[in-house]
């Protein structure tokens, strides 16, 4: 579910086994436009929001972290890009 903070927002926070996944969902007129909409600045805001979330959830300390992107466009199958970027990108 969506997690909003003063520093940014994450569309989906999920956990699968030993990995916490922060997911950005981007919908645009084309998959290319959706991918291009995830700028370095926006990635930074997502990472900052993830750090905020992690600070409030110490029970997941030590688990692997991953940043995924789901791209959505009319007439195209959604694309899930697992590990689309790193926190230090």
N, C-alpha and C. Protein backbone atom coordinates (compact mmCIF):
# COMPACT_ATOMS: atom_id res chain seq x y z
N UNK A 1 0.83 -1.19 0.00
CA UNK A 1 0.00 0.00 0.00
C UNK A 1 0.87 1.24 0.00
N UNK A 2 0.30 2.34 -0.32
CA UNK A 2 1.02 3.61 -0.44
C UNK A 2 1.52 4.08 0.93
N UNK A 3 2.74 4.60 0.92
CA UNK A 3 3.34 5.14 2.14
C UNK A 3 3.80 6.55 1.84
N UNK A 4 3.23 7.53 2.53
CA UNK A 4 3.56 8.94 2.31
C UNK A 4 4.38 9.46 3.48
N UNK A 5 5.39 10.26 3.15
CA UNK A 5 6.23 10.88 4.16
C UNK A 5 6.43 12.34 3.77
N UNK A 6 7.00 13.14 4.64
CA UNK A 6 7.31 14.53 4.28
C UNK A 6 8.38 14.62 3.18
N UNK A 7 9.18 13.57 3.01
CA UNK A 7 10.27 13.61 2.04
C UNK A 7 9.93 12.94 0.71
N UNK A 8 8.84 12.23 0.65
CA UNK A 8 8.46 11.54 -0.59
C UNK A 8 7.43 10.47 -0.33
N UNK A 9 7.15 9.72 -1.35
CA UNK A 9 6.08 8.71 -1.28
C UNK A 9 6.54 7.45 -1.99
N UNK A 10 6.06 6.32 -1.47
CA UNK A 10 6.31 5.03 -2.11
C UNK A 10 4.95 4.43 -2.42
N UNK A 11 4.77 3.98 -3.66
CA UNK A 11 3.47 3.45 -4.06
C UNK A 11 3.15 2.13 -3.37
N UNK A 12 4.14 1.24 -3.28
CA UNK A 12 3.92 -0.07 -2.66
C UNK A 12 5.14 -0.44 -1.84
N UNK A 13 4.90 -0.88 -0.61
CA UNK A 13 5.95 -1.48 0.21
C UNK A 13 5.51 -2.91 0.47
N UNK A 14 6.36 -3.86 0.11
CA UNK A 14 6.01 -5.27 0.25
C UNK A 14 7.20 -6.04 0.80
N UNK A 15 6.90 -7.18 1.40
CA UNK A 15 7.97 -8.06 1.85
C UNK A 15 7.72 -9.44 1.30
N UNK A 16 8.75 -10.00 0.72
CA UNK A 16 8.69 -11.39 0.26
C UNK A 16 9.89 -12.09 0.86
N UNK A 17 9.61 -13.04 1.71
CA UNK A 17 10.64 -13.77 2.45
C UNK A 17 11.59 -12.81 3.13
N UNK A 18 12.85 -12.78 2.71
CA UNK A 18 13.86 -11.96 3.40
C UNK A 18 14.20 -10.69 2.64
N UNK A 19 13.26 -10.19 1.84
CA UNK A 19 13.50 -8.98 1.06
C UNK A 19 12.34 -8.01 1.22
N UNK A 20 12.67 -6.76 1.51
CA UNK A 20 11.67 -5.68 1.53
C UNK A 20 11.78 -4.97 0.19
N UNK A 21 10.65 -4.82 -0.48
CA UNK A 21 10.62 -4.24 -1.82
C UNK A 21 9.82 -2.94 -1.79
N UNK A 22 10.45 -1.89 -2.32
CA UNK A 22 9.81 -0.58 -2.48
C UNK A 22 9.51 -0.42 -3.96
N UNK A 23 8.24 -0.23 -4.29
CA UNK A 23 7.81 -0.24 -5.69
C UNK A 23 7.24 1.11 -6.09
N UNK A 24 7.73 1.63 -7.21
CA UNK A 24 7.18 2.83 -7.82
C UNK A 24 6.34 2.39 -9.02
N UNK A 25 5.09 2.81 -9.07
CA UNK A 25 4.21 2.51 -10.20
C UNK A 25 4.06 3.78 -11.01
N UNK A 26 4.35 3.68 -12.30
CA UNK A 26 4.31 4.87 -13.16
C UNK A 26 3.45 4.56 -14.38
N UNK A 27 2.40 5.35 -14.58
CA UNK A 27 1.50 5.20 -15.72
C UNK A 27 1.63 6.43 -16.61
N UNK A 28 1.82 6.18 -17.90
CA UNK A 28 1.92 7.25 -18.89
C UNK A 28 1.32 6.75 -20.20
N UNK A 29 1.37 7.57 -21.21
CA UNK A 29 0.80 7.22 -22.52
C UNK A 29 1.56 6.07 -23.19
N UNK A 30 2.83 5.91 -22.85
CA UNK A 30 3.62 4.79 -23.39
C UNK A 30 4.54 4.27 -22.30
N UNK A 31 5.02 3.04 -22.48
CA UNK A 31 5.93 2.48 -21.49
C UNK A 31 7.24 3.28 -21.45
N UNK A 32 7.67 3.76 -22.61
CA UNK A 32 8.89 4.57 -22.67
C UNK A 32 8.71 5.85 -21.87
N UNK A 33 7.57 6.51 -22.06
CA UNK A 33 7.30 7.75 -21.31
C UNK A 33 7.22 7.46 -19.81
N UNK A 34 6.65 6.33 -19.44
CA UNK A 34 6.57 5.96 -18.03
C UNK A 34 7.97 5.77 -17.45
N UNK A 35 8.83 5.09 -18.19
CA UNK A 35 10.20 4.86 -17.72
C UNK A 35 10.96 6.18 -17.60
N UNK A 36 10.78 7.05 -18.57
CA UNK A 36 11.49 8.34 -18.56
C UNK A 36 11.01 9.25 -17.44
N UNK A 37 9.82 9.00 -16.92
CA UNK A 37 9.26 9.84 -15.86
C UNK A 37 9.90 9.57 -14.50
N UNK A 38 10.69 8.52 -14.41
CA UNK A 38 11.36 8.20 -13.15
C UNK A 38 12.76 8.81 -13.20
N UNK A 39 12.83 10.05 -12.83
CA UNK A 39 14.06 10.83 -12.91
C UNK A 39 14.98 10.51 -11.73
N UNK A 40 16.24 10.92 -11.83
CA UNK A 40 17.15 10.75 -10.69
C UNK A 40 16.62 11.45 -9.43
N UNK A 41 16.02 12.60 -9.61
CA UNK A 41 15.44 13.32 -8.46
C UNK A 41 14.33 12.50 -7.81
N UNK A 42 13.46 11.91 -8.64
CA UNK A 42 12.37 11.11 -8.09
C UNK A 42 12.92 9.85 -7.41
N UNK A 43 13.92 9.22 -8.00
CA UNK A 43 14.53 8.06 -7.36
C UNK A 43 15.07 8.44 -5.98
N UNK A 44 15.69 9.61 -5.89
CA UNK A 44 16.19 10.08 -4.60
C UNK A 44 15.09 10.26 -3.57
N UNK A 45 13.96 10.78 -4.01
CA UNK A 45 12.82 10.96 -3.09
C UNK A 45 12.27 9.61 -2.64
N UNK A 46 12.25 8.63 -3.54
CA UNK A 46 11.79 7.29 -3.17
C UNK A 46 12.74 6.67 -2.15
N UNK A 47 14.03 6.82 -2.39
CA UNK A 47 15.02 6.29 -1.45
C UNK A 47 14.89 6.98 -0.09
N UNK A 48 14.71 8.29 -0.08
CA UNK A 48 14.52 9.01 1.19
C UNK A 48 13.27 8.52 1.91
N UNK A 49 12.19 8.30 1.17
CA UNK A 49 10.95 7.79 1.77
C UNK A 49 11.16 6.37 2.31
N UNK A 50 11.94 5.57 1.60
CA UNK A 50 12.23 4.21 2.07
C UNK A 50 13.03 4.26 3.37
N UNK A 51 13.99 5.16 3.46
CA UNK A 51 14.76 5.30 4.70
C UNK A 51 13.83 5.71 5.86
N UNK A 52 12.90 6.59 5.56
CA UNK A 52 11.91 7.01 6.57
C UNK A 52 11.10 5.80 7.03
N UNK A 53 10.63 5.00 6.08
CA UNK A 53 9.85 3.80 6.40
C UNK A 53 10.67 2.83 7.24
N UNK A 54 11.92 2.61 6.83
CA UNK A 54 12.78 1.67 7.54
C UNK A 54 13.03 2.11 8.99
N UNK A 55 13.15 3.41 9.21
CA UNK A 55 13.37 3.92 10.56
C UNK A 55 12.21 3.57 11.48
N UNK A 56 11.02 3.48 10.93
CA UNK A 56 9.84 3.14 11.72
C UNK A 56 9.53 1.66 11.79
N UNK A 57 10.35 0.83 11.14
CA UNK A 57 10.11 -0.61 11.10
C UNK A 57 11.40 -1.37 11.41
N UNK A 58 11.88 -1.25 12.65
CA UNK A 58 13.15 -1.90 12.99
C UNK A 58 13.13 -3.42 12.87
N UNK A 59 11.96 -4.02 12.83
CA UNK A 59 11.87 -5.47 12.74
C UNK A 59 12.39 -6.01 11.41
N UNK A 60 12.57 -5.15 10.41
CA UNK A 60 13.08 -5.62 9.12
C UNK A 60 14.57 -5.32 8.96
N UNK A 61 15.20 -4.80 10.01
CA UNK A 61 16.64 -4.52 9.94
C UNK A 61 17.38 -5.80 9.56
N UNK A 62 18.29 -5.68 8.65
CA UNK A 62 19.07 -6.83 8.21
C UNK A 62 18.50 -7.54 7.00
N UNK A 63 17.26 -7.23 6.63
CA UNK A 63 16.70 -7.85 5.42
C UNK A 63 17.24 -7.15 4.18
N UNK A 64 17.23 -7.86 3.08
CA UNK A 64 17.65 -7.27 1.81
C UNK A 64 16.62 -6.22 1.38
N UNK A 65 17.09 -5.20 0.67
CA UNK A 65 16.21 -4.15 0.16
C UNK A 65 16.28 -4.14 -1.35
N UNK A 66 15.14 -3.84 -1.99
CA UNK A 66 15.10 -3.78 -3.44
C UNK A 66 14.16 -2.67 -3.85
N UNK A 67 14.53 -1.98 -4.96
CA UNK A 67 13.69 -0.92 -5.51
C UNK A 67 13.22 -1.36 -6.89
N UNK A 68 11.92 -1.58 -7.02
CA UNK A 68 11.31 -2.03 -8.27
C UNK A 68 10.50 -0.90 -8.90
N UNK A 69 10.22 -1.06 -10.18
CA UNK A 69 9.36 -0.13 -10.91
C UNK A 69 8.36 -0.96 -11.71
N UNK A 70 7.11 -0.52 -11.71
CA UNK A 70 6.08 -1.11 -12.57
C UNK A 70 5.63 -0.02 -13.53
N UNK A 71 5.79 -0.30 -14.83
CA UNK A 71 5.42 0.65 -15.87
C UNK A 71 4.08 0.24 -16.46
N UNK A 72 3.18 1.22 -16.63
CA UNK A 72 1.84 0.96 -17.15
C UNK A 72 1.54 1.94 -18.27
N UNK A 73 0.97 1.41 -19.36
CA UNK A 73 0.55 2.25 -20.49
C UNK A 73 -0.65 1.59 -21.17
N UNK A 74 -1.54 2.39 -21.73
CA UNK A 74 -2.70 1.83 -22.42
C UNK A 74 -2.28 0.90 -23.55
N UNK A 75 -2.94 -0.24 -23.64
CA UNK A 75 -2.70 -1.18 -24.72
C UNK A 75 -1.42 -2.01 -24.59
N UNK A 76 -0.69 -1.83 -23.50
CA UNK A 76 0.54 -2.58 -23.29
C UNK A 76 0.43 -3.38 -21.99
N UNK A 77 1.11 -4.51 -21.97
CA UNK A 77 1.16 -5.28 -20.73
C UNK A 77 2.04 -4.53 -19.73
N UNK A 78 1.64 -4.46 -18.49
CA UNK A 78 2.50 -3.81 -17.49
C UNK A 78 3.87 -4.48 -17.45
N UNK A 79 4.89 -3.68 -17.23
CA UNK A 79 6.25 -4.20 -17.11
C UNK A 79 6.73 -4.01 -15.69
N UNK A 80 7.17 -5.12 -15.09
CA UNK A 80 7.72 -5.08 -13.74
C UNK A 80 9.24 -5.18 -13.86
N UNK A 81 9.91 -4.13 -13.42
CA UNK A 81 11.37 -4.08 -13.48
C UNK A 81 11.90 -4.29 -12.06
N UNK A 82 12.22 -5.53 -11.74
CA UNK A 82 12.74 -5.86 -10.41
C UNK A 82 14.16 -5.32 -10.30
N UNK A 83 14.45 -4.67 -9.19
CA UNK A 83 15.79 -4.12 -8.99
C UNK A 83 16.11 -3.03 -9.98
N UNK A 84 15.13 -2.18 -10.28
CA UNK A 84 15.28 -1.15 -11.31
C UNK A 84 16.37 -0.13 -10.98
N UNK A 85 16.57 0.14 -9.69
CA UNK A 85 17.63 1.05 -9.28
C UNK A 85 18.08 0.71 -7.88
N UNK A 86 19.22 1.26 -7.51
CA UNK A 86 19.80 1.05 -6.18
C UNK A 86 19.66 2.32 -5.35
N UNK A 87 19.77 2.17 -4.05
CA UNK A 87 19.63 3.33 -3.17
C UNK A 87 20.71 4.36 -3.40
N UNK A 88 21.85 3.95 -3.92
CA UNK A 88 22.95 4.88 -4.11
C UNK A 88 23.10 5.35 -5.55
N UNK A 89 22.08 5.12 -6.38
CA UNK A 89 22.13 5.58 -7.79
C UNK A 89 22.06 7.09 -7.88
